[in-house]
Amino acid sequence: MKINKKMLNKIFSIVLIAVIFYGCGGDVIPKPKGYIRFDLPEHTYQLFEDDCPYSFEIGTYSEMISRERSEHCWKNIHVKPCKATIHLSYKPIDNNFGVLVEDAHELVYGHTVKADAITEQVFMNPERRVYGILYEIKGDAASNLQFIATDSANHFLRGALYFNASPNKDSLAPLVRFMRKDIEHIIETLSWK
């Protein structure tokens, strides 16, 4: 049996009409936006200490890892429940304090393109000789929290928090709050050797 062009057009039209009517049936229900629920652990801490000229307490749910192919005492703190990493960079101060502060400042304020705001919290602990600034970068920036800590004479430590996810301030907000407490604790328990 030979199918002519007219017959083929009729079959195609009938199928197209059936698909249109079938696809238009039912009520359209919009899907609400939802965010992942995180079951975060209690904040408990343990002392981190090795051959580096600093020590502090990190979360018991965290793992300290030395960075491969980097400078001595540059570390990563992996926080598994948050799928986050705090990248630590340590530099001894050798007549370069201003340069180190300026570099850290540029790294923080380089996020202004995506940031809604950047707030600074100053830390001072003269007994431990620890002075620092915690920067919170609000908005969809790649790094939401960064900090510097120093004794202004010998030691300079910089940290930057990154999540293993695309930046989204709404979905990351609970994790940023959780990590802020951990970073504040790092600064508050930091001591130099």
N, C-alpha and C. Protein backbone atom coordinates (compact mmCIF):
# COMPACT_ATOMS: atom_id res chain seq x y z
N MET A 1 0.84 -1.17 0.00
CA MET A 1 0.00 0.00 0.00
C MET A 1 0.89 1.23 0.00
N LYS A 2 0.57 2.10 -0.88
CA LYS A 2 1.36 3.31 -1.04
C LYS A 2 0.65 4.45 -0.32
N ILE A 3 1.41 5.15 0.58
CA ILE A 3 0.85 6.27 1.32
C ILE A 3 1.22 7.54 0.57
N ASN A 4 0.18 8.29 0.21
CA ASN A 4 0.47 9.52 -0.51
C ASN A 4 0.69 10.67 0.47
N LYS A 5 1.07 11.79 -0.06
CA LYS A 5 1.42 12.95 0.74
C LYS A 5 0.22 13.49 1.51
N LYS A 6 -0.96 13.45 0.89
CA LYS A 6 -2.17 13.94 1.53
C LYS A 6 -2.49 13.11 2.77
N MET A 7 -2.38 11.81 2.62
CA MET A 7 -2.68 10.89 3.72
C MET A 7 -1.68 11.10 4.86
N LEU A 8 -0.44 11.28 4.53
CA LEU A 8 0.61 11.50 5.53
C LEU A 8 0.36 12.80 6.30
N ASN A 9 -0.06 13.85 5.62
CA ASN A 9 -0.38 15.13 6.27
C ASN A 9 -1.56 14.97 7.22
N LYS A 10 -2.59 14.18 6.82
CA LYS A 10 -3.76 13.96 7.69
C LYS A 10 -3.34 13.22 8.96
N ILE A 11 -2.53 12.19 8.82
CA ILE A 11 -2.08 11.41 9.98
C ILE A 11 -1.26 12.30 10.91
N PHE A 12 -0.37 13.08 10.34
CA PHE A 12 0.46 13.99 11.15
C PHE A 12 -0.40 15.01 11.88
N SER A 13 -1.42 15.56 11.21
CA SER A 13 -2.31 16.54 11.82
C SER A 13 -3.09 15.93 12.97
N ILE A 14 -3.60 14.72 12.80
CA ILE A 14 -4.36 14.04 13.85
C ILE A 14 -3.46 13.79 15.06
N VAL A 15 -2.25 13.32 14.84
CA VAL A 15 -1.31 13.05 15.94
C VAL A 15 -0.95 14.36 16.65
N LEU A 16 -0.73 15.41 15.91
CA LEU A 16 -0.38 16.71 16.49
C LEU A 16 -1.52 17.25 17.35
N ILE A 17 -2.75 17.16 16.86
CA ILE A 17 -3.91 17.62 17.63
C ILE A 17 -4.07 16.79 18.90
N ALA A 18 -3.88 15.49 18.80
CA ALA A 18 -4.00 14.61 19.97
C ALA A 18 -2.95 14.97 21.02
N VAL A 19 -1.74 15.24 20.59
CA VAL A 19 -0.66 15.60 21.52
C VAL A 19 -0.97 16.94 22.19
N ILE A 20 -1.48 17.89 21.44
CA ILE A 20 -1.82 19.20 22.00
C ILE A 20 -2.90 19.06 23.06
N PHE A 21 -3.98 18.31 22.75
CA PHE A 21 -5.05 18.15 23.73
C PHE A 21 -4.59 17.36 24.96
N TYR A 22 -3.79 16.36 24.74
CA TYR A 22 -3.29 15.56 25.86
C TYR A 22 -2.37 16.40 26.75
N GLY A 23 -1.53 17.22 26.15
CA GLY A 23 -0.59 18.05 26.90
C GLY A 23 -1.25 19.18 27.65
N CYS A 24 -2.45 19.59 27.26
CA CYS A 24 -3.13 20.70 27.92
C CYS A 24 -3.99 20.26 29.09
N GLY A 25 -4.09 19.00 29.33
CA GLY A 25 -4.95 18.51 30.41
C GLY A 25 -4.33 18.70 31.77
N GLY A 26 -5.18 18.84 32.78
CA GLY A 26 -4.72 18.93 34.17
C GLY A 26 -4.34 20.33 34.57
N ASP A 27 -4.30 20.53 35.87
CA ASP A 27 -3.93 21.83 36.42
C ASP A 27 -2.41 21.94 36.52
N VAL A 28 -1.93 23.12 36.25
CA VAL A 28 -0.50 23.39 36.38
C VAL A 28 -0.23 23.74 37.84
N ILE A 29 0.66 23.02 38.45
CA ILE A 29 1.01 23.25 39.86
C ILE A 29 2.45 23.74 39.91
N PRO A 30 2.65 24.98 40.33
CA PRO A 30 4.04 25.48 40.41
C PRO A 30 4.79 24.77 41.53
N LYS A 31 6.03 24.51 41.28
CA LYS A 31 6.88 23.88 42.29
C LYS A 31 7.50 24.95 43.17
N PRO A 32 7.31 24.85 44.48
CA PRO A 32 7.92 25.86 45.35
C PRO A 32 9.44 25.69 45.39
N LYS A 33 10.13 26.82 45.55
CA LYS A 33 11.58 26.74 45.70
C LYS A 33 11.89 26.15 47.06
N GLY A 34 12.80 25.25 47.10
CA GLY A 34 13.21 24.67 48.37
C GLY A 34 14.71 24.60 48.43
N TYR A 35 15.22 24.59 49.62
CA TYR A 35 16.65 24.50 49.82
C TYR A 35 16.96 23.26 50.64
N ILE A 36 18.15 22.78 50.48
CA ILE A 36 18.57 21.59 51.18
C ILE A 36 18.59 21.85 52.68
N ARG A 37 18.13 20.87 53.44
CA ARG A 37 18.20 20.98 54.89
C ARG A 37 19.50 20.34 55.34
N PHE A 38 20.23 21.05 56.17
CA PHE A 38 21.50 20.56 56.65
C PHE A 38 21.37 20.15 58.11
N ASP A 39 21.81 18.96 58.42
CA ASP A 39 21.88 18.52 59.81
C ASP A 39 23.31 18.75 60.27
N LEU A 40 23.53 19.87 60.91
CA LEU A 40 24.88 20.26 61.30
C LEU A 40 25.17 19.79 62.72
N PRO A 41 26.41 19.39 62.97
CA PRO A 41 26.76 18.89 64.31
C PRO A 41 26.88 20.04 65.32
N GLU A 42 26.94 19.66 66.59
CA GLU A 42 27.21 20.64 67.64
C GLU A 42 28.64 21.15 67.47
N HIS A 43 28.88 22.37 67.88
CA HIS A 43 30.23 22.93 67.81
C HIS A 43 31.06 22.35 68.96
N THR A 44 31.94 21.42 68.62
CA THR A 44 32.91 20.88 69.58
C THR A 44 34.28 20.98 68.92
N TYR A 45 35.31 21.17 69.74
CA TYR A 45 36.62 21.51 69.19
C TYR A 45 37.73 20.63 69.74
N GLN A 46 38.81 20.58 68.97
CA GLN A 46 40.03 19.88 69.35
C GLN A 46 41.22 20.74 68.95
N LEU A 47 42.30 20.59 69.67
CA LEU A 47 43.49 21.39 69.41
C LEU A 47 44.22 20.88 68.18
N PHE A 48 44.57 21.79 67.27
CA PHE A 48 45.44 21.46 66.15
C PHE A 48 46.81 22.04 66.47
N GLU A 49 47.79 21.18 66.41
CA GLU A 49 49.16 21.61 66.68
C GLU A 49 50.10 20.70 65.91
N ASP A 50 51.04 21.29 65.19
CA ASP A 50 52.08 20.52 64.51
C ASP A 50 53.36 21.34 64.50
N ASP A 51 54.20 21.19 63.49
CA ASP A 51 55.48 21.91 63.47
C ASP A 51 55.35 23.34 62.96
N CYS A 52 54.15 23.80 62.67
CA CYS A 52 53.95 25.18 62.22
C CYS A 52 54.01 26.13 63.41
N PRO A 53 54.30 27.40 63.17
CA PRO A 53 54.45 28.36 64.27
C PRO A 53 53.13 28.89 64.82
N TYR A 54 52.07 28.14 64.65
CA TYR A 54 50.77 28.52 65.20
C TYR A 54 50.02 27.28 65.65
N SER A 55 49.07 27.47 66.54
CA SER A 55 48.15 26.41 66.94
C SER A 55 46.80 27.05 67.25
N PHE A 56 45.75 26.28 67.12
CA PHE A 56 44.39 26.76 67.41
C PHE A 56 43.49 25.54 67.47
N GLU A 57 42.25 25.76 67.82
CA GLU A 57 41.28 24.68 67.89
C GLU A 57 40.39 24.69 66.64
N ILE A 58 40.16 23.46 66.12
CA ILE A 58 39.26 23.29 64.98
C ILE A 58 38.13 22.36 65.40
N GLY A 59 37.06 22.34 64.62
CA GLY A 59 35.93 21.46 64.91
C GLY A 59 36.34 20.00 64.87
N THR A 60 35.75 19.21 65.75
CA THR A 60 36.04 17.77 65.77
C THR A 60 35.55 17.09 64.50
N TYR A 61 34.71 17.72 63.76
CA TYR A 61 34.16 17.21 62.51
C TYR A 61 35.00 17.68 61.32
N SER A 62 36.13 18.35 61.60
CA SER A 62 37.00 18.90 60.56
C SER A 62 38.27 18.09 60.44
N GLU A 63 38.92 18.23 59.30
CA GLU A 63 40.18 17.54 59.05
C GLU A 63 41.20 18.54 58.50
N MET A 64 42.37 18.58 59.13
CA MET A 64 43.44 19.48 58.69
C MET A 64 44.33 18.73 57.71
N ILE A 65 44.56 19.34 56.55
CA ILE A 65 45.36 18.70 55.51
C ILE A 65 46.40 19.70 55.02
N SER A 66 47.64 19.23 54.87
CA SER A 66 48.69 20.08 54.30
C SER A 66 48.45 20.20 52.80
N ARG A 67 48.66 21.38 52.26
CA ARG A 67 48.49 21.58 50.83
C ARG A 67 49.72 21.07 50.11
N GLU A 68 49.48 20.28 49.08
CA GLU A 68 50.59 19.79 48.27
C GLU A 68 51.11 20.92 47.40
N ARG A 69 52.39 20.89 47.14
CA ARG A 69 53.05 21.87 46.27
C ARG A 69 52.76 23.31 46.67
N SER A 70 52.81 23.57 47.96
CA SER A 70 52.62 24.94 48.42
C SER A 70 53.65 25.25 49.49
N GLU A 71 53.59 26.43 50.01
CA GLU A 71 54.56 26.84 51.02
C GLU A 71 54.33 26.11 52.33
N HIS A 72 55.38 26.07 53.13
CA HIS A 72 55.31 25.40 54.43
C HIS A 72 54.23 26.06 55.29
N CYS A 73 53.46 25.27 55.95
CA CYS A 73 52.40 25.70 56.87
C CYS A 73 51.20 26.33 56.17
N TRP A 74 51.05 26.07 54.88
CA TRP A 74 49.80 26.40 54.20
C TRP A 74 48.94 25.15 54.32
N LYS A 75 47.76 25.30 54.89
CA LYS A 75 46.91 24.15 55.20
C LYS A 75 45.51 24.36 54.65
N ASN A 76 44.77 23.27 54.57
CA ASN A 76 43.34 23.29 54.27
C ASN A 76 42.61 22.62 55.42
N ILE A 77 41.57 23.25 55.90
CA ILE A 77 40.70 22.63 56.90
C ILE A 77 39.43 22.21 56.16
N HIS A 78 39.25 20.90 56.01
CA HIS A 78 38.05 20.38 55.36
C HIS A 78 36.98 20.18 56.42
N VAL A 79 35.83 20.80 56.21
CA VAL A 79 34.70 20.68 57.12
C VAL A 79 33.65 19.86 56.38
N LYS A 80 33.67 18.55 56.63
CA LYS A 80 32.85 17.62 55.84
C LYS A 80 31.35 17.87 55.93
N PRO A 81 30.78 18.15 57.13
CA PRO A 81 29.32 18.34 57.17
C PRO A 81 28.84 19.51 56.31
N CYS A 82 29.69 20.48 56.08
CA CYS A 82 29.31 21.67 55.29
C CYS A 82 29.82 21.60 53.86
N LYS A 83 30.60 20.57 53.55
CA LYS A 83 31.27 20.49 52.24
C LYS A 83 32.00 21.80 51.96
N ALA A 84 32.80 22.19 52.95
CA ALA A 84 33.51 23.47 52.88
C ALA A 84 34.99 23.26 53.18
N THR A 85 35.79 24.21 52.74
CA THR A 85 37.23 24.20 53.01
C THR A 85 37.67 25.60 53.40
N ILE A 86 38.45 25.66 54.48
CA ILE A 86 39.09 26.91 54.86
C ILE A 86 40.54 26.80 54.39
N HIS A 87 40.92 27.65 53.47
CA HIS A 87 42.29 27.66 52.95
C HIS A 87 43.12 28.60 53.82
N LEU A 88 44.15 28.06 54.47
CA LEU A 88 45.01 28.85 55.34
C LEU A 88 46.35 29.11 54.66
N SER A 89 46.80 30.34 54.74
CA SER A 89 48.11 30.74 54.21
C SER A 89 48.87 31.40 55.35
N TYR A 90 50.06 30.89 55.63
CA TYR A 90 50.90 31.47 56.69
C TYR A 90 52.13 32.09 56.06
N LYS A 91 52.48 33.28 56.52
CA LYS A 91 53.72 33.93 56.07
C LYS A 91 54.42 34.51 57.28
N PRO A 92 55.73 34.30 57.40
CA PRO A 92 56.47 35.02 58.43
C PRO A 92 56.62 36.49 58.00
N ILE A 93 56.57 37.37 58.96
CA ILE A 93 56.73 38.80 58.65
C ILE A 93 58.21 39.13 58.64
N ASP A 94 58.66 39.70 57.50
CA ASP A 94 60.06 40.07 57.34
C ASP A 94 60.09 41.42 56.62
N ASN A 95 59.81 42.47 57.36
CA ASN A 95 59.72 43.82 56.79
C ASN A 95 58.71 43.91 55.64
N ASN A 96 57.69 43.04 55.67
CA ASN A 96 56.69 43.03 54.60
C ASN A 96 55.26 43.07 55.14
N PHE A 97 55.08 43.53 56.36
CA PHE A 97 53.76 43.54 56.99
C PHE A 97 52.74 44.31 56.15
N GLY A 98 53.10 45.48 55.68
CA GLY A 98 52.19 46.29 54.87
C GLY A 98 51.77 45.59 53.59
N VAL A 99 52.72 44.92 52.95
CA VAL A 99 52.43 44.19 51.71
C VAL A 99 51.46 43.05 51.98
N LEU A 100 51.69 42.30 53.08
CA LEU A 100 50.81 41.18 53.42
C LEU A 100 49.39 41.65 53.70
N VAL A 101 49.26 42.74 54.44
CA VAL A 101 47.93 43.28 54.75
C VAL A 101 47.25 43.76 53.48
N GLU A 102 47.98 44.45 52.63
CA GLU A 102 47.41 44.95 51.38
C GLU A 102 46.98 43.81 50.46
N ASP A 103 47.79 42.76 50.36
CA ASP A 103 47.42 41.59 49.54
C ASP A 103 46.13 40.96 50.06
N ALA A 104 46.03 40.78 51.38
CA ALA A 104 44.83 40.20 51.97
C ALA A 104 43.62 41.09 51.72
N HIS A 105 43.81 42.38 51.86
CA HIS A 105 42.73 43.35 51.62
C HIS A 105 42.24 43.26 50.17
N GLU A 106 43.16 43.17 49.22
CA GLU A 106 42.79 43.06 47.81
C GLU A 106 42.05 41.77 47.52
N LEU A 107 42.46 40.67 48.17
CA LEU A 107 41.77 39.39 47.97
C LEU A 107 40.34 39.45 48.50
N VAL A 108 40.12 40.13 49.60
CA VAL A 108 38.77 40.28 50.14
C VAL A 108 37.94 41.17 49.22
N TYR A 109 38.45 42.35 48.94
CA TYR A 109 37.66 43.32 48.19
C TYR A 109 37.61 43.04 46.69
N GLY A 110 38.30 42.02 46.24
CA GLY A 110 38.15 41.55 44.87
C GLY A 110 36.78 40.92 44.64
N HIS A 111 36.08 40.59 45.72
CA HIS A 111 34.75 39.98 45.62
C HIS A 111 33.63 41.01 45.52
N THR A 112 33.96 42.30 45.47
CA THR A 112 32.91 43.33 45.45
C THR A 112 32.01 43.24 44.22
N VAL A 113 32.47 42.61 43.16
CA VAL A 113 31.66 42.47 41.95
C VAL A 113 30.38 41.69 42.27
N LYS A 114 30.48 40.63 43.05
CA LYS A 114 29.33 39.79 43.39
C LYS A 114 28.78 40.08 44.78
N ALA A 115 29.50 40.83 45.60
CA ALA A 115 29.10 41.05 46.99
C ALA A 115 28.01 42.11 47.10
N ASP A 116 27.09 41.89 48.05
CA ASP A 116 26.10 42.91 48.39
C ASP A 116 26.69 43.88 49.41
N ALA A 117 27.53 43.34 50.28
CA ALA A 117 28.18 44.15 51.33
C ALA A 117 29.35 43.36 51.88
N ILE A 118 30.30 44.06 52.48
CA ILE A 118 31.42 43.42 53.17
C ILE A 118 31.52 44.07 54.55
N THR A 119 31.42 43.22 55.59
CA THR A 119 31.52 43.73 56.96
C THR A 119 32.82 43.22 57.57
N GLU A 120 33.34 43.98 58.51
CA GLU A 120 34.59 43.64 59.18
C GLU A 120 34.34 43.55 60.69
N GLN A 121 34.89 42.51 61.30
CA GLN A 121 34.86 42.37 62.76
C GLN A 121 36.30 42.28 63.23
N VAL A 122 36.68 43.17 64.13
CA VAL A 122 38.06 43.23 64.63
C VAL A 122 38.19 42.33 65.86
N PHE A 123 39.30 41.60 65.93
CA PHE A 123 39.64 40.77 67.08
C PHE A 123 40.95 41.27 67.67
N MET A 124 41.00 41.41 69.00
CA MET A 124 42.24 41.81 69.68
C MET A 124 42.39 40.98 70.94
N ASN A 125 43.53 40.30 71.04
CA ASN A 125 43.84 39.53 72.24
C ASN A 125 45.31 39.81 72.58
N PRO A 126 45.57 40.89 73.34
CA PRO A 126 46.96 41.27 73.66
C PRO A 126 47.72 40.20 74.44
N GLU A 127 47.01 39.41 75.27
CA GLU A 127 47.70 38.36 76.05
C GLU A 127 48.32 37.32 75.12
N ARG A 128 47.63 36.97 74.05
CA ARG A 128 48.15 35.98 73.10
C ARG A 128 48.89 36.64 71.94
N ARG A 129 48.90 37.96 71.89
CA ARG A 129 49.49 38.72 70.79
C ARG A 129 48.81 38.36 69.45
N VAL A 130 47.49 38.31 69.49
CA VAL A 130 46.72 37.99 68.29
C VAL A 130 45.79 39.17 67.98
N TYR A 131 45.94 39.69 66.79
CA TYR A 131 45.12 40.79 66.31
C TYR A 131 44.61 40.38 64.93
N GLY A 132 43.33 40.53 64.71
CA GLY A 132 42.80 40.06 63.44
C GLY A 132 41.55 40.77 62.99
N ILE A 133 41.17 40.46 61.77
CA ILE A 133 39.93 40.97 61.18
C ILE A 133 39.23 39.81 60.50
N LEU A 134 37.94 39.66 60.80
CA LEU A 134 37.10 38.69 60.11
C LEU A 134 36.21 39.47 59.14
N TYR A 135 36.30 39.10 57.87
CA TYR A 135 35.51 39.75 56.83
C TYR A 135 34.35 38.83 56.46
N GLU A 136 33.13 39.36 56.48
CA GLU A 136 31.99 38.61 55.97
C GLU A 136 31.57 39.26 54.66
N ILE A 137 31.61 38.47 53.60
CA ILE A 137 31.29 38.95 52.27
C ILE A 137 29.87 38.47 51.96
N LYS A 138 28.92 39.39 52.01
CA LYS A 138 27.51 39.03 51.85
C LYS A 138 27.13 39.07 50.38
N GLY A 139 26.28 38.14 49.98
CA GLY A 139 25.86 38.05 48.59
C GLY A 139 26.33 36.75 47.98
N ASP A 140 26.35 36.71 46.66
CA ASP A 140 26.71 35.49 45.94
C ASP A 140 28.19 35.46 45.58
N ALA A 141 29.04 35.82 46.51
CA ALA A 141 30.49 35.81 46.29
C ALA A 141 31.02 34.39 46.43
N ALA A 142 32.15 34.12 45.82
CA ALA A 142 32.75 32.79 45.88
C ALA A 142 33.21 32.44 47.29
N SER A 143 33.68 33.40 48.04
CA SER A 143 34.14 33.19 49.42
C SER A 143 33.33 34.11 50.33
N ASN A 144 32.60 33.51 51.28
CA ASN A 144 31.73 34.30 52.17
C ASN A 144 32.44 34.82 53.41
N LEU A 145 33.48 34.13 53.84
CA LEU A 145 34.20 34.54 55.05
C LEU A 145 35.69 34.47 54.77
N GLN A 146 36.41 35.52 55.17
CA GLN A 146 37.87 35.52 55.11
C GLN A 146 38.38 36.21 56.36
N PHE A 147 39.61 35.88 56.74
CA PHE A 147 40.17 36.52 57.93
C PHE A 147 41.67 36.65 57.80
N ILE A 148 42.19 37.59 58.58
CA ILE A 148 43.63 37.69 58.78
C ILE A 148 43.86 37.72 60.28
N ALA A 149 44.99 37.18 60.69
CA ALA A 149 45.41 37.23 62.10
C ALA A 149 46.92 37.40 62.12
N THR A 150 47.39 38.22 63.06
CA THR A 150 48.82 38.53 63.10
C THR A 150 49.22 38.96 64.50
N ASP A 151 50.53 38.96 64.74
CA ASP A 151 51.05 39.60 65.96
C ASP A 151 51.74 40.91 65.58
N SER A 152 51.68 41.27 64.32
CA SER A 152 52.24 42.51 63.74
C SER A 152 53.76 42.54 63.72
N ALA A 153 54.42 41.49 64.18
CA ALA A 153 55.88 41.50 64.22
C ALA A 153 56.50 40.29 63.52
N ASN A 154 55.95 39.10 63.77
CA ASN A 154 56.57 37.87 63.26
C ASN A 154 55.66 36.98 62.42
N HIS A 155 54.36 36.99 62.70
CA HIS A 155 53.46 35.99 62.12
C HIS A 155 52.29 36.66 61.40
N PHE A 156 51.88 36.04 60.26
CA PHE A 156 50.72 36.52 59.51
C PHE A 156 49.98 35.30 58.97
N LEU A 157 48.72 35.14 59.38
CA LEU A 157 47.89 34.01 58.95
C LEU A 157 46.66 34.56 58.26
N ARG A 158 46.37 34.01 57.10
CA ARG A 158 45.18 34.41 56.33
C ARG A 158 44.35 33.18 56.06
N GLY A 159 43.03 33.32 56.14
CA GLY A 159 42.12 32.21 55.86
C GLY A 159 40.99 32.65 54.96
N ALA A 160 40.54 31.75 54.10
CA ALA A 160 39.41 32.02 53.21
C ALA A 160 38.54 30.78 53.13
N LEU A 161 37.25 30.97 53.32
CA LEU A 161 36.28 29.88 53.30
C LEU A 161 35.67 29.75 51.91
N TYR A 162 35.65 28.51 51.41
CA TYR A 162 35.00 28.20 50.14
C TYR A 162 34.12 26.97 50.32
N PHE A 163 32.94 27.01 49.72
CA PHE A 163 32.05 25.85 49.72
C PHE A 163 32.19 25.12 48.40
N ASN A 164 31.96 23.82 48.45
CA ASN A 164 32.00 23.01 47.24
C ASN A 164 30.62 23.07 46.57
N ALA A 165 30.19 24.29 46.24
CA ALA A 165 28.88 24.52 45.64
C ALA A 165 28.90 25.87 44.94
N SER A 166 27.96 26.05 44.04
CA SER A 166 27.83 27.37 43.40
C SER A 166 27.34 28.37 44.43
N PRO A 167 27.84 29.60 44.38
CA PRO A 167 27.42 30.59 45.36
C PRO A 167 25.93 30.91 45.25
N ASN A 168 25.22 30.78 46.34
CA ASN A 168 23.81 31.16 46.44
C ASN A 168 23.58 31.56 47.88
N LYS A 169 23.45 32.86 48.11
CA LYS A 169 23.40 33.36 49.48
C LYS A 169 22.26 32.78 50.29
N ASP A 170 21.13 32.47 49.67
CA ASP A 170 19.99 31.95 50.42
C ASP A 170 20.23 30.51 50.88
N SER A 171 20.71 29.67 49.99
CA SER A 171 20.90 28.27 50.38
C SER A 171 22.13 28.08 51.25
N LEU A 172 23.14 28.94 51.11
CA LEU A 172 24.36 28.79 51.92
C LEU A 172 24.29 29.51 53.26
N ALA A 173 23.27 30.33 53.49
CA ALA A 173 23.19 31.14 54.72
C ALA A 173 23.35 30.33 56.01
N PRO A 174 22.67 29.17 56.18
CA PRO A 174 22.87 28.42 57.43
C PRO A 174 24.30 27.90 57.58
N LEU A 175 24.92 27.54 56.46
CA LEU A 175 26.29 27.04 56.51
C LEU A 175 27.27 28.17 56.83
N VAL A 176 27.02 29.35 56.28
CA VAL A 176 27.89 30.50 56.57
C VAL A 176 27.81 30.83 58.06
N ARG A 177 26.60 30.82 58.63
CA ARG A 177 26.45 31.08 60.08
C ARG A 177 27.21 30.05 60.90
N PHE A 178 27.09 28.78 60.51
CA PHE A 178 27.79 27.71 61.22
C PHE A 178 29.30 27.90 61.13
N MET A 179 29.79 28.17 59.93
CA MET A 179 31.23 28.31 59.71
C MET A 179 31.78 29.58 60.36
N ARG A 180 30.98 30.60 60.47
CA ARG A 180 31.43 31.83 61.14
C ARG A 180 31.82 31.54 62.58
N LYS A 181 31.02 30.72 63.28
CA LYS A 181 31.36 30.37 64.66
C LYS A 181 32.68 29.62 64.72
N ASP A 182 32.90 28.71 63.78
CA ASP A 182 34.16 27.96 63.76
C ASP A 182 35.35 28.88 63.48
N ILE A 183 35.20 29.80 62.55
CA ILE A 183 36.31 30.71 62.22
C ILE A 183 36.57 31.67 63.38
N GLU A 184 35.52 32.16 64.01
CA GLU A 184 35.72 33.00 65.20
C GLU A 184 36.47 32.23 66.27
N HIS A 185 36.15 30.94 66.43
CA HIS A 185 36.83 30.12 67.44
C HIS A 185 38.30 29.91 67.07
N ILE A 186 38.59 29.74 65.80
CA ILE A 186 39.99 29.62 65.36
C ILE A 186 40.76 30.87 65.77
N ILE A 187 40.20 32.04 65.48
CA ILE A 187 40.89 33.30 65.80
C ILE A 187 41.03 33.46 67.31
N GLU A 188 39.98 33.14 68.06
CA GLU A 188 40.00 33.32 69.51
C GLU A 188 40.95 32.36 70.22
N THR A 189 41.21 31.18 69.63
CA THR A 189 42.10 30.20 70.27
C THR A 189 43.49 30.19 69.65
N LEU A 190 43.73 31.02 68.65
CA LEU A 190 45.02 31.07 67.96
C LEU A 190 46.12 31.52 68.91
N SER A 191 47.22 30.80 68.87
CA SER A 191 48.41 31.25 69.61
C SER A 191 49.64 30.99 68.75
N TRP A 192 50.65 31.82 68.95
CA TRP A 192 51.89 31.74 68.18
C TRP A 192 52.93 30.98 68.97
N LYS A 193 53.82 30.31 68.27
CA LYS A 193 54.92 29.58 68.92
C LYS A 193 56.21 30.37 68.79
